[in-house]
Amino acid sequence: MNKEKILNFYRSHFGEINGALGGLIISVCILWIGFIRTIFIAICILAGYYIGKKISNDKDYIKNLLDRILPPGTYR
């Protein structure tokens, strides 16, 4: 197949393809490592995504977070 055709097909069915791949990955993880471990991995991935998104939007996010949690100036 032509590379252009594949890219156009992917662009027109972006959500369906990514949803199917996500479902496949989750089902294989559940079969291999179990339900609870798969849920734990998913929670860790979501937490990492959330923190990464916050860091990319605000470069001082970690510093501000530590200021809220710890007494100011303790990590410097």
PDB file of N, CA and C in Angstrom:
ATOM      1  N   MET A   1       0.839  -1.190   0.000  1.00  0.00           N
ATOM      2  CA  MET A   1       0.000   0.000   0.000  1.00  0.00           C
ATOM      3  C   MET A   1       0.877   1.244   0.000  1.00  0.00           C
ATOM      4  N   ASN A   2       0.288   2.301  -0.460  1.00  0.00           N
ATOM      5  CA  ASN A   2       0.965   3.572  -0.534  1.00  0.00           C
ATOM      6  C   ASN A   2       0.990   4.223   0.857  1.00  0.00           C
ATOM      7  N   LYS A   3       2.114   4.836   1.196  1.00  0.00           N
ATOM      8  CA  LYS A   3       2.257   5.490   2.502  1.00  0.00           C
ATOM      9  C   LYS A   3       1.228   6.612   2.678  1.00  0.00           C
ATOM     10  N   GLU A   4       0.955   7.336   1.633  1.00  0.00           N
ATOM     11  CA  GLU A   4      -0.042   8.430   1.686  1.00  0.00           C
ATOM     12  C   GLU A   4      -1.431   7.890   2.010  1.00  0.00           C
ATOM     13  N   LYS A   5      -1.803   6.751   1.430  1.00  0.00           N
ATOM     14  CA  LYS A   5      -3.110   6.160   1.692  1.00  0.00           C
ATOM     15  C   LYS A   5      -3.230   5.732   3.150  1.00  0.00           C
ATOM     16  N   ILE A   6      -2.153   5.142   3.676  1.00  0.00           N
ATOM     17  CA  ILE A   6      -2.175   4.701   5.071  1.00  0.00           C
ATOM     18  C   ILE A   6      -2.312   5.897   5.999  1.00  0.00           C
ATOM     19  N   LEU A   7      -1.548   6.961   5.742  1.00  0.00           N
ATOM     20  CA  LEU A   7      -1.632   8.152   6.577  1.00  0.00           C
ATOM     21  C   LEU A   7      -3.008   8.808   6.498  1.00  0.00           C
ATOM     22  N   ASN A   8      -3.587   8.874   5.317  1.00  0.00           N
ATOM     23  CA  ASN A   8      -4.930   9.452   5.168  1.00  0.00           C
ATOM     24  C   ASN A   8      -5.972   8.606   5.897  1.00  0.00           C
ATOM     25  N   PHE A   9      -5.829   7.274   5.809  1.00  0.00           N
ATOM     26  CA  PHE A   9      -6.758   6.395   6.517  1.00  0.00           C
ATOM     27  C   PHE A   9      -6.629   6.592   8.022  1.00  0.00           C
ATOM     28  N   TYR A  10      -5.384   6.691   8.511  1.00  0.00           N
ATOM     29  CA  TYR A  10      -5.171   6.893   9.948  1.00  0.00           C
ATOM     30  C   TYR A  10      -5.746   8.235  10.399  1.00  0.00           C
ATOM     31  N   ARG A  11      -5.531   9.262   9.617  1.00  0.00           N
ATOM     32  CA  ARG A  11      -6.046  10.590   9.985  1.00  0.00           C
ATOM     33  C   ARG A  11      -7.571  10.625   9.995  1.00  0.00           C
ATOM     34  N   SER A  12      -8.192   9.891   9.095  1.00  0.00           N
ATOM     35  CA  SER A  12      -9.655   9.913   9.036  1.00  0.00           C
ATOM     36  C   SER A  12     -10.287   9.010  10.093  1.00  0.00           C
ATOM     37  N   HIS A  13      -9.539   8.033  10.621  1.00  0.00           N
ATOM     38  CA  HIS A  13     -10.059   7.112  11.637  1.00  0.00           C
ATOM     39  C   HIS A  13      -9.178   7.119  12.880  1.00  0.00           C
ATOM     40  N   PHE A  14      -8.707   8.295  13.264  1.00  0.00           N
ATOM     41  CA  PHE A  14      -7.775   8.470  14.373  1.00  0.00           C
ATOM     42  C   PHE A  14      -8.322   7.904  15.680  1.00  0.00           C
ATOM     43  N   GLY A  15      -9.510   8.283  16.058  1.00  0.00           N
ATOM     44  CA  GLY A  15     -10.097   7.851  17.324  1.00  0.00           C
ATOM     45  C   GLY A  15     -10.359   6.358  17.377  1.00  0.00           C
ATOM     46  N   GLU A  16     -10.888   5.806  16.295  1.00  0.00           N
ATOM     47  CA  GLU A  16     -11.203   4.385  16.267  1.00  0.00           C
ATOM     48  C   GLU A  16      -9.942   3.526  16.376  1.00  0.00           C
ATOM     49  N   ILE A  17      -8.897   3.903  15.648  1.00  0.00           N
ATOM     50  CA  ILE A  17      -7.661   3.131  15.655  1.00  0.00           C
ATOM     51  C   ILE A  17      -6.990   3.210  17.025  1.00  0.00           C
ATOM     52  N   ASN A  18      -6.899   4.401  17.582  1.00  0.00           N
ATOM     53  CA  ASN A  18      -6.258   4.548  18.894  1.00  0.00           C
ATOM     54  C   ASN A  18      -7.076   3.865  19.988  1.00  0.00           C
ATOM     55  N   GLY A  19      -8.390   3.916  19.903  1.00  0.00           N
ATOM     56  CA  GLY A  19      -9.229   3.225  20.877  1.00  0.00           C
ATOM     57  C   GLY A  19      -9.074   1.719  20.807  1.00  0.00           C
ATOM     58  N   ALA A  20      -9.002   1.196  19.588  1.00  0.00           N
ATOM     59  CA  ALA A  20      -8.821  -0.250  19.418  1.00  0.00           C
ATOM     60  C   ALA A  20      -7.451  -0.691  19.933  1.00  0.00           C
ATOM     61  N   LEU A  21      -6.405   0.078  19.645  1.00  0.00           N
ATOM     62  CA  LEU A  21      -5.073  -0.266  20.140  1.00  0.00           C
ATOM     63  C   LEU A  21      -5.010  -0.172  21.661  1.00  0.00           C
ATOM     64  N   GLY A  22      -5.646   0.846  22.228  1.00  0.00           N
ATOM     65  CA  GLY A  22      -5.689   0.967  23.677  1.00  0.00           C
ATOM     66  C   GLY A  22      -6.408  -0.207  24.314  1.00  0.00           C
ATOM     67  N   GLY A  23      -7.526  -0.613  23.738  1.00  0.00           N
ATOM     68  CA  GLY A  23      -8.258  -1.771  24.241  1.00  0.00           C
ATOM     69  C   GLY A  23      -7.457  -3.048  24.140  1.00  0.00           C
ATOM     70  N   LEU A  24      -6.730  -3.208  23.046  1.00  0.00           N
ATOM     71  CA  LEU A  24      -5.876  -4.384  22.876  1.00  0.00           C
ATOM     72  C   LEU A  24      -4.777  -4.420  23.929  1.00  0.00           C
ATOM     73  N   ILE A  25      -4.128  -3.294  24.156  1.00  0.00           N
ATOM     74  CA  ILE A  25      -3.045  -3.230  25.143  1.00  0.00           C
ATOM     75  C   ILE A  25      -3.574  -3.518  26.538  1.00  0.00           C
ATOM     76  N   ILE A  26      -4.708  -2.941  26.894  1.00  0.00           N
ATOM     77  CA  ILE A  26      -5.293  -3.167  28.224  1.00  0.00           C
ATOM     78  C   ILE A  26      -5.693  -4.629  28.394  1.00  0.00           C
ATOM     79  N   SER A  27      -6.305  -5.222  27.377  1.00  0.00           N
ATOM     80  CA  SER A  27      -6.727  -6.621  27.509  1.00  0.00           C
ATOM     81  C   SER A  27      -5.537  -7.561  27.633  1.00  0.00           C
ATOM     82  N   VAL A  28      -4.473  -7.306  26.890  1.00  0.00           N
ATOM     83  CA  VAL A  28      -3.284  -8.148  26.994  1.00  0.00           C
ATOM     84  C   VAL A  28      -2.646  -7.997  28.371  1.00  0.00           C
ATOM     85  N   CYS A  29      -2.607  -6.762  28.892  1.00  0.00           N
ATOM     86  CA  CYS A  29      -2.052  -6.551  30.237  1.00  0.00           C
ATOM     87  C   CYS A  29      -2.875  -7.280  31.290  1.00  0.00           C
ATOM     88  N   ILE A  30      -4.193  -7.241  31.172  1.00  0.00           N
ATOM     89  CA  ILE A  30      -5.040  -7.932  32.144  1.00  0.00           C
ATOM     90  C   ILE A  30      -4.805  -9.439  32.084  1.00  0.00           C
ATOM     91  N   LEU A  31      -4.654  -9.989  30.893  1.00  0.00           N
ATOM     92  CA  LEU A  31      -4.414 -11.419  30.766  1.00  0.00           C
ATOM     93  C   LEU A  31      -3.039 -11.824  31.283  1.00  0.00           C
ATOM     94  N   TRP A  32      -2.025 -10.988  31.067  1.00  0.00           N
ATOM     95  CA  TRP A  32      -0.663 -11.345  31.467  1.00  0.00           C
ATOM     96  C   TRP A  32      -0.380 -11.072  32.934  1.00  0.00           C
ATOM     97  N   ILE A  33      -0.776  -9.903  33.438  1.00  0.00           N
ATOM     98  CA  ILE A  33      -0.343  -9.534  34.792  1.00  0.00           C
ATOM     99  C   ILE A  33      -1.487  -9.412  35.782  1.00  0.00           C
ATOM    100  N   GLY A  34      -2.713  -9.485  35.350  1.00  0.00           N
ATOM    101  CA  GLY A  34      -3.840  -9.437  36.266  1.00  0.00           C
ATOM    102  C   GLY A  34      -4.506  -8.076  36.302  1.00  0.00           C
ATOM    103  N   PHE A  35      -5.713  -8.071  36.837  1.00  0.00           N
ATOM    104  CA  PHE A  35      -6.547  -6.869  36.819  1.00  0.00           C
ATOM    105  C   PHE A  35      -6.011  -5.780  37.750  1.00  0.00           C
ATOM    106  N   ILE A  36      -5.688  -6.138  38.983  1.00  0.00           N
ATOM    107  CA  ILE A  36      -5.255  -5.140  39.972  1.00  0.00           C
ATOM    108  C   ILE A  36      -3.941  -4.494  39.550  1.00  0.00           C
ATOM    109  N   ARG A  37      -3.002  -5.284  39.080  1.00  0.00           N
ATOM    110  CA  ARG A  37      -1.722  -4.725  38.635  1.00  0.00           C
ATOM    111  C   ARG A  37      -1.906  -3.825  37.414  1.00  0.00           C
ATOM    112  N   THR A  38      -2.816  -4.200  36.528  1.00  0.00           N
ATOM    113  CA  THR A  38      -3.087  -3.370  35.359  1.00  0.00           C
ATOM    114  C   THR A  38      -3.694  -2.039  35.769  1.00  0.00           C
ATOM    115  N   ILE A  39      -4.599  -2.057  36.739  1.00  0.00           N
ATOM    116  CA  ILE A  39      -5.186  -0.812  37.235  1.00  0.00           C
ATOM    117  C   ILE A  39      -4.110   0.058  37.872  1.00  0.00           C
ATOM    118  N   PHE A  40      -3.196  -0.547  38.646  1.00  0.00           N
ATOM    119  CA  PHE A  40      -2.100   0.203  39.257  1.00  0.00           C
ATOM    120  C   PHE A  40      -1.219   0.848  38.195  1.00  0.00           C
ATOM    121  N   ILE A  41      -0.884   0.118  37.153  1.00  0.00           N
ATOM    122  CA  ILE A  41      -0.066   0.661  36.068  1.00  0.00           C
ATOM    123  C   ILE A  41      -0.792   1.815  35.384  1.00  0.00           C
ATOM    124  N   ALA A  42      -2.095   1.658  35.150  1.00  0.00           N
ATOM    125  CA  ALA A  42      -2.867   2.723  34.508  1.00  0.00           C
ATOM    126  C   ALA A  42      -2.896   3.975  35.374  1.00  0.00           C
ATOM    127  N   ILE A  43      -3.045   3.813  36.683  1.00  0.00           N
ATOM    128  CA  ILE A  43      -3.048   4.966  37.586  1.00  0.00           C
ATOM    129  C   ILE A  43      -1.688   5.667  37.563  1.00  0.00           C
ATOM    130  N   CYS A  44      -0.603   4.891  37.558  1.00  0.00           N
ATOM    131  CA  CYS A  44       0.735   5.487  37.489  1.00  0.00           C
ATOM    132  C   CYS A  44       0.954   6.227  36.174  1.00  0.00           C
ATOM    133  N   ILE A  45       0.469   5.674  35.082  1.00  0.00           N
ATOM    134  CA  ILE A  45       0.603   6.330  33.785  1.00  0.00           C
ATOM    135  C   ILE A  45      -0.186   7.635  33.770  1.00  0.00           C
ATOM    136  N   LEU A  46      -1.403   7.620  34.285  1.00  0.00           N
ATOM    137  CA  LEU A  46      -2.212   8.836  34.323  1.00  0.00           C
ATOM    138  C   LEU A  46      -1.588   9.898  35.222  1.00  0.00           C
ATOM    139  N   ALA A  47      -1.038   9.491  36.362  1.00  0.00           N
ATOM    140  CA  ALA A  47      -0.373  10.453  37.247  1.00  0.00           C
ATOM    141  C   ALA A  47       0.855  11.053  36.562  1.00  0.00           C
ATOM    142  N   GLY A  48       1.629  10.230  35.884  1.00  0.00           N
ATOM    143  CA  GLY A  48       2.787  10.725  35.149  1.00  0.00           C
ATOM    144  C   GLY A  48       2.405  11.668  34.032  1.00  0.00           C
ATOM    145  N   TYR A  49       1.331  11.348  33.328  1.00  0.00           N
ATOM    146  CA  TYR A  49       0.843  12.227  32.268  1.00  0.00           C
ATOM    147  C   TYR A  49       0.408  13.572  32.841  1.00  0.00           C
ATOM    148  N   TYR A  50      -0.329  13.529  33.956  1.00  0.00           N
ATOM    149  CA  TYR A  50      -0.822  14.752  34.574  1.00  0.00           C
ATOM    150  C   TYR A  50       0.336  15.637  35.037  1.00  0.00           C
ATOM    151  N   ILE A  51       1.303  15.044  35.709  1.00  0.00           N
ATOM    152  CA  ILE A  51       2.452  15.814  36.194  1.00  0.00           C
ATOM    153  C   ILE A  51       3.275  16.349  35.028  1.00  0.00           C
ATOM    154  N   GLY A  52       3.478  15.534  34.015  1.00  0.00           N
ATOM    155  CA  GLY A  52       4.214  15.979  32.835  1.00  0.00           C
ATOM    156  C   GLY A  52       3.534  17.121  32.116  1.00  0.00           C
ATOM    157  N   LYS A  53       2.214  17.070  32.029  1.00  0.00           N
ATOM    158  CA  LYS A  53       1.474  18.151  31.387  1.00  0.00           C
ATOM    159  C   LYS A  53       1.579  19.435  32.197  1.00  0.00           C
ATOM    160  N   LYS A  54       1.498  19.314  33.524  1.00  0.00           N
ATOM    161  CA  LYS A  54       1.647  20.488  34.388  1.00  0.00           C
ATOM    162  C   LYS A  54       3.041  21.088  34.251  1.00  0.00           C
ATOM    163  N   ILE A  55       4.073  20.237  34.186  1.00  0.00           N
ATOM    164  CA  ILE A  55       5.444  20.732  34.065  1.00  0.00           C
ATOM    165  C   ILE A  55       5.653  21.417  32.720  1.00  0.00           C
ATOM    166  N   SER A  56       5.078  20.868  31.660  1.00  0.00           N
ATOM    167  CA  SER A  56       5.263  21.493  30.354  1.00  0.00           C
ATOM    168  C   SER A  56       4.537  22.831  30.256  1.00  0.00           C
ATOM    169  N   ASN A  57       3.455  23.012  31.012  1.00  0.00           N
ATOM    170  CA  ASN A  57       2.745  24.293  30.999  1.00  0.00           C
ATOM    171  C   ASN A  57       3.368  25.310  31.950  1.00  0.00           C
ATOM    172  N   ASP A  58       3.907  24.854  33.079  1.00  0.00           N
ATOM    173  CA  ASP A  58       4.480  25.724  34.095  1.00  0.00           C
ATOM    174  C   ASP A  58       5.818  25.147  34.521  1.00  0.00           C
ATOM    175  N   LYS A  59       6.901  25.781  34.110  1.00  0.00           N
ATOM    176  CA  LYS A  59       8.242  25.259  34.381  1.00  0.00           C
ATOM    177  C   LYS A  59       8.559  25.226  35.878  1.00  0.00           C
ATOM    178  N   ASP A  60       7.914  26.050  36.680  1.00  0.00           N
ATOM    179  CA  ASP A  60       8.155  26.085  38.125  1.00  0.00           C
ATOM    180  C   ASP A  60       7.134  25.277  38.898  1.00  0.00           C
ATOM    181  N   TYR A  61       6.447  24.343  38.262  1.00  0.00           N
ATOM    182  CA  TYR A  61       5.393  23.573  38.917  1.00  0.00           C
ATOM    183  C   TYR A  61       5.930  22.752  40.089  1.00  0.00           C
ATOM    184  N   ILE A  62       7.046  22.069  39.888  1.00  0.00           N
ATOM    185  CA  ILE A  62       7.608  21.235  40.953  1.00  0.00           C
ATOM    186  C   ILE A  62       8.045  22.118  42.132  1.00  0.00           C
ATOM    187  N   LYS A  63       8.696  23.251  41.826  1.00  0.00           N
ATOM    188  CA  LYS A  63       9.132  24.154  42.884  1.00  0.00           C
ATOM    189  C   LYS A  63       7.927  24.688  43.662  1.00  0.00           C
ATOM    190  N   ASN A  64       6.878  25.086  42.968  1.00  0.00           N
ATOM    191  CA  ASN A  64       5.677  25.590  43.637  1.00  0.00           C
ATOM    192  C   ASN A  64       4.981  24.487  44.439  1.00  0.00           C
ATOM    193  N   LEU A  65       4.962  23.292  43.913  1.00  0.00           N
ATOM    194  CA  LEU A  65       4.358  22.164  44.623  1.00  0.00           C
ATOM    195  C   LEU A  65       5.121  21.863  45.910  1.00  0.00           C
ATOM    196  N   LEU A  66       6.440  21.860  45.820  1.00  0.00           N
ATOM    197  CA  LEU A  66       7.247  21.611  47.013  1.00  0.00           C
ATOM    198  C   LEU A  66       7.097  22.739  48.028  1.00  0.00           C
ATOM    199  N   ASP A  67       6.933  23.974  47.563  1.00  0.00           N
ATOM    200  CA  ASP A  67       6.689  25.090  48.483  1.00  0.00           C
ATOM    201  C   ASP A  67       5.378  24.916  49.240  1.00  0.00           C
ATOM    202  N   ARG A  68       4.379  24.343  48.579  1.00  0.00           N
ATOM    203  CA  ARG A  68       3.098  24.119  49.252  1.00  0.00           C
ATOM    204  C   ARG A  68       3.163  22.957  50.232  1.00  0.00           C
ATOM    205  N   ILE A  69       3.936  21.923  49.905  1.00  0.00           N
ATOM    206  CA  ILE A  69       3.993  20.731  50.744  1.00  0.00           C
ATOM    207  C   ILE A  69       4.995  20.909  51.896  1.00  0.00           C
ATOM    208  N   LEU A  70       6.198  21.338  51.565  1.00  0.00           N
ATOM    209  CA  LEU A  70       7.269  21.482  52.545  1.00  0.00           C
ATOM    210  C   LEU A  70       7.365  22.941  53.004  1.00  0.00           C
ATOM    211  N   PRO A  71       8.027  23.175  54.124  1.00  0.00           N
ATOM    212  CA  PRO A  71       8.278  24.579  54.506  1.00  0.00           C
ATOM    213  C   PRO A  71       9.140  25.244  53.448  1.00  0.00           C
ATOM    214  N   PRO A  72       8.893  26.498  53.123  1.00  0.00           N
ATOM    215  CA  PRO A  72       9.637  27.169  52.046  1.00  0.00           C
ATOM    216  C   PRO A  72      11.144  27.153  52.292  1.00  0.00           C
ATOM    217  N   GLY A  73      11.882  26.852  51.255  1.00  0.00           N
ATOM    218  CA  GLY A  73      13.343  26.885  51.295  1.00  0.00           C
ATOM    219  C   GLY A  73      13.994  25.606  51.788  1.00  0.00           C
ATOM    220  N   THR A  74      13.256  24.566  52.108  1.00  0.00           N
ATOM    221  CA  THR A  74      13.881  23.357  52.641  1.00  0.00           C
ATOM    222  C   THR A  74      14.517  22.497  51.567  1.00  0.00           C
ATOM    223  N   TYR A  75      14.110  22.611  50.334  1.00  0.00           N
ATOM    224  CA  TYR A  75      14.662  21.771  49.276  1.00  0.00           C
ATOM    225  C   TYR A  75      15.752  22.466  48.482  1.00  0.00           C
ATOM    226  N   ARG A  76      16.104  23.668  48.823  1.00  0.00           N
ATOM    227  CA  ARG A  76      17.133  24.398  48.064  1.00  0.00           C
ATOM    228  C   ARG A  76      18.488  24.180  48.644  1.00  0.00           C
TER     229      ARG A  76
END
